[in-house]
Amino acid sequence: MVDYLRILLGARVARRDERGASAVEYGLLVGGIAALIVVIVFALGDQIQGLFQDTCDAVKTGSGTSATCS
């Protein structure tokens, strides 16, 4: 009977440990995704800015107004 209780308590402790490990794993995953976004923004930032500027210029010419792009 004592062994049975020891096994039950051990299973409870193991379950609690898994929750903490999964939180750490999620934290690492979020950190990795954030790092990937930063790398993509630095690598493609100028190209994306150029696309937005081209679109803004096309809208300004097509509308005939003196809109500003900011």
N, C-alpha and C. Protein backbone atom coordinates (compact mmCIF):
# COMPACT_ATOMS: atom_id res chain seq x y z
N MET A 1 0.82 -1.19 0.00
CA MET A 1 0.00 0.00 0.00
C MET A 1 0.87 1.26 0.00
N VAL A 2 1.94 1.23 0.74
CA VAL A 2 2.84 2.39 0.78
C VAL A 2 3.49 2.59 -0.59
N ASP A 3 3.83 1.50 -1.24
CA ASP A 3 4.42 1.63 -2.58
C ASP A 3 3.42 2.24 -3.56
N TYR A 4 2.17 1.85 -3.44
CA TYR A 4 1.12 2.38 -4.30
C TYR A 4 0.99 3.89 -4.11
N LEU A 5 0.98 4.35 -2.87
CA LEU A 5 0.90 5.79 -2.59
C LEU A 5 2.13 6.52 -3.11
N ARG A 6 3.27 5.89 -2.99
CA ARG A 6 4.51 6.51 -3.48
C ARG A 6 4.45 6.68 -5.00
N ILE A 7 3.90 5.68 -5.69
CA ILE A 7 3.77 5.76 -7.15
C ILE A 7 2.79 6.87 -7.53
N LEU A 8 1.67 6.98 -6.81
CA LEU A 8 0.70 8.04 -7.10
C LEU A 8 1.31 9.42 -6.89
N LEU A 9 2.02 9.59 -5.80
CA LEU A 9 2.65 10.89 -5.54
C LEU A 9 3.73 11.20 -6.57
N GLY A 10 4.47 10.19 -6.96
CA GLY A 10 5.50 10.38 -7.99
C GLY A 10 4.90 10.79 -9.31
N ALA A 11 3.74 10.23 -9.66
CA ALA A 11 3.06 10.59 -10.90
C ALA A 11 2.56 12.03 -10.85
N ARG A 12 2.10 12.46 -9.71
CA ARG A 12 1.64 13.86 -9.58
C ARG A 12 2.80 14.83 -9.76
N VAL A 13 3.92 14.52 -9.15
CA VAL A 13 5.09 15.40 -9.27
C VAL A 13 5.57 15.42 -10.72
N ALA A 14 5.57 14.29 -11.38
CA ALA A 14 6.00 14.23 -12.77
C ALA A 14 5.06 15.06 -13.66
N ARG A 15 3.76 15.02 -13.39
CA ARG A 15 2.82 15.82 -14.17
C ARG A 15 3.09 17.32 -13.99
N ARG A 16 3.37 17.73 -12.79
CA ARG A 16 3.68 19.14 -12.54
C ARG A 16 4.95 19.56 -13.26
N ASP A 17 5.92 18.69 -13.30
CA ASP A 17 7.18 19.01 -13.97
C ASP A 17 6.99 19.19 -15.47
N GLU A 18 6.08 18.42 -16.06
CA GLU A 18 5.84 18.54 -17.49
C GLU A 18 5.23 19.88 -17.84
N ARG A 19 4.39 20.41 -16.99
CA ARG A 19 3.80 21.72 -17.27
C ARG A 19 4.88 22.79 -17.34
N GLY A 20 5.81 22.75 -16.43
CA GLY A 20 6.90 23.72 -16.45
C GLY A 20 7.77 23.56 -17.68
N ALA A 21 8.03 22.32 -18.05
CA ALA A 21 8.86 22.09 -19.23
C ALA A 21 8.15 22.58 -20.49
N SER A 22 6.85 22.38 -20.58
CA SER A 22 6.15 22.84 -21.77
C SER A 22 6.11 24.36 -21.82
N ALA A 23 6.03 25.02 -20.68
CA ALA A 23 6.07 26.49 -20.67
C ALA A 23 7.42 26.99 -21.17
N VAL A 24 8.48 26.31 -20.77
CA VAL A 24 9.81 26.69 -21.25
C VAL A 24 9.90 26.46 -22.76
N GLU A 25 9.36 25.36 -23.22
CA GLU A 25 9.39 25.08 -24.66
C GLU A 25 8.62 26.13 -25.44
N TYR A 26 7.45 26.53 -24.94
CA TYR A 26 6.68 27.57 -25.61
C TYR A 26 7.45 28.89 -25.60
N GLY A 27 8.12 29.19 -24.51
CA GLY A 27 8.92 30.41 -24.45
C GLY A 27 10.04 30.40 -25.47
N LEU A 28 10.70 29.27 -25.62
CA LEU A 28 11.76 29.17 -26.63
C LEU A 28 11.19 29.29 -28.04
N LEU A 29 10.03 28.72 -28.26
CA LEU A 29 9.39 28.80 -29.57
C LEU A 29 9.03 30.25 -29.90
N VAL A 30 8.46 30.96 -28.95
CA VAL A 30 8.10 32.37 -29.18
C VAL A 30 9.35 33.20 -29.41
N GLY A 31 10.41 32.94 -28.65
CA GLY A 31 11.67 33.66 -28.85
C GLY A 31 12.26 33.40 -30.23
N GLY A 32 12.18 32.15 -30.68
CA GLY A 32 12.69 31.82 -32.01
C GLY A 32 11.91 32.50 -33.12
N ILE A 33 10.59 32.55 -32.97
CA ILE A 33 9.76 33.21 -33.97
C ILE A 33 10.04 34.71 -33.99
N ALA A 34 10.21 35.31 -32.82
CA ALA A 34 10.52 36.74 -32.75
C ALA A 34 11.86 37.03 -33.42
N ALA A 35 12.85 36.19 -33.18
CA ALA A 35 14.16 36.38 -33.79
C ALA A 35 14.06 36.25 -35.32
N LEU A 36 13.26 35.31 -35.79
CA LEU A 36 13.08 35.13 -37.22
C LEU A 36 12.42 36.36 -37.85
N ILE A 37 11.44 36.93 -37.18
CA ILE A 37 10.76 38.13 -37.69
C ILE A 37 11.75 39.29 -37.78
N VAL A 38 12.59 39.45 -36.76
CA VAL A 38 13.59 40.53 -36.77
C VAL A 38 14.55 40.36 -37.94
N VAL A 39 15.01 39.14 -38.17
CA VAL A 39 15.94 38.88 -39.27
C VAL A 39 15.27 39.18 -40.61
N ILE A 40 14.02 38.79 -40.78
CA ILE A 40 13.31 39.04 -42.04
C ILE A 40 13.11 40.53 -42.26
N VAL A 41 12.75 41.25 -41.21
CA VAL A 41 12.53 42.70 -41.35
C VAL A 41 13.83 43.40 -41.73
N PHE A 42 14.95 43.02 -41.12
CA PHE A 42 16.22 43.65 -41.47
C PHE A 42 16.67 43.25 -42.88
N ALA A 43 16.40 42.03 -43.28
CA ALA A 43 16.84 41.57 -44.59
C ALA A 43 16.00 42.15 -45.72
N LEU A 44 14.70 42.26 -45.52
CA LEU A 44 13.79 42.69 -46.59
C LEU A 44 13.20 44.08 -46.38
N GLY A 45 13.65 44.79 -45.37
CA GLY A 45 13.06 46.09 -45.03
C GLY A 45 13.10 47.10 -46.15
N ASP A 46 14.25 47.23 -46.82
CA ASP A 46 14.36 48.22 -47.89
C ASP A 46 13.47 47.87 -49.08
N GLN A 47 13.38 46.58 -49.39
CA GLN A 47 12.53 46.17 -50.51
C GLN A 47 11.06 46.43 -50.21
N ILE A 48 10.65 46.14 -48.99
CA ILE A 48 9.25 46.36 -48.62
C ILE A 48 8.94 47.85 -48.61
N GLN A 49 9.86 48.65 -48.11
CA GLN A 49 9.65 50.10 -48.10
C GLN A 49 9.54 50.63 -49.52
N GLY A 50 10.34 50.09 -50.43
CA GLY A 50 10.26 50.50 -51.83
C GLY A 50 8.92 50.14 -52.45
N LEU A 51 8.39 48.98 -52.11
CA LEU A 51 7.08 48.59 -52.64
C LEU A 51 5.99 49.52 -52.14
N PHE A 52 6.04 49.88 -50.86
CA PHE A 52 5.04 50.80 -50.32
C PHE A 52 5.17 52.18 -50.96
N GLN A 53 6.40 52.62 -51.20
CA GLN A 53 6.60 53.93 -51.81
C GLN A 53 6.09 53.93 -53.25
N ASP A 54 6.35 52.85 -53.99
CA ASP A 54 5.85 52.75 -55.37
C ASP A 54 4.33 52.77 -55.39
N THR A 55 3.71 52.06 -54.46
CA THR A 55 2.25 52.04 -54.39
C THR A 55 1.71 53.43 -54.06
N CYS A 56 2.34 54.10 -53.14
CA CYS A 56 1.89 55.45 -52.75
C CYS A 56 2.03 56.42 -53.93
N ASP A 57 3.14 56.33 -54.63
CA ASP A 57 3.34 57.21 -55.79
C ASP A 57 2.30 56.94 -56.86
N ALA A 58 1.95 55.67 -57.08
CA ALA A 58 0.95 55.33 -58.08
C ALA A 58 -0.42 55.85 -57.68
N VAL A 59 -0.74 55.80 -56.40
CA VAL A 59 -2.03 56.31 -55.93
C VAL A 59 -2.07 57.83 -56.09
N LYS A 60 -0.95 58.50 -55.77
CA LYS A 60 -0.91 59.95 -55.92
C LYS A 60 -1.10 60.37 -57.37
N THR A 61 -0.45 59.67 -58.29
CA THR A 61 -0.58 60.03 -59.70
C THR A 61 -1.96 59.71 -60.24
N GLY A 62 -2.53 58.61 -59.79
CA GLY A 62 -3.85 58.21 -60.29
C GLY A 62 -4.98 59.05 -59.75
N SER A 63 -4.83 59.58 -58.55
CA SER A 63 -5.93 60.34 -57.94
C SER A 63 -5.93 61.79 -58.36
N GLY A 64 -4.79 62.32 -58.79
CA GLY A 64 -4.73 63.71 -59.22
C GLY A 64 -4.70 64.69 -58.07
N THR A 65 -4.60 64.21 -56.82
CA THR A 65 -4.53 65.11 -55.67
C THR A 65 -3.09 65.21 -55.19
N SER A 66 -2.88 66.12 -54.27
CA SER A 66 -1.52 66.26 -53.72
C SER A 66 -1.44 65.57 -52.37
N ALA A 67 -1.76 64.28 -52.34
CA ALA A 67 -1.69 63.51 -51.10
C ALA A 67 -0.23 63.27 -50.74
N THR A 68 0.01 63.11 -49.47
CA THR A 68 1.38 62.84 -49.02
C THR A 68 1.49 61.43 -48.49
N CYS A 69 2.63 60.83 -48.69
CA CYS A 69 2.90 59.50 -48.15
C CYS A 69 3.75 59.67 -46.90
N SER A 70 3.29 59.07 -45.81
CA SER A 70 4.10 59.17 -44.60
C SER A 70 4.35 57.82 -44.02
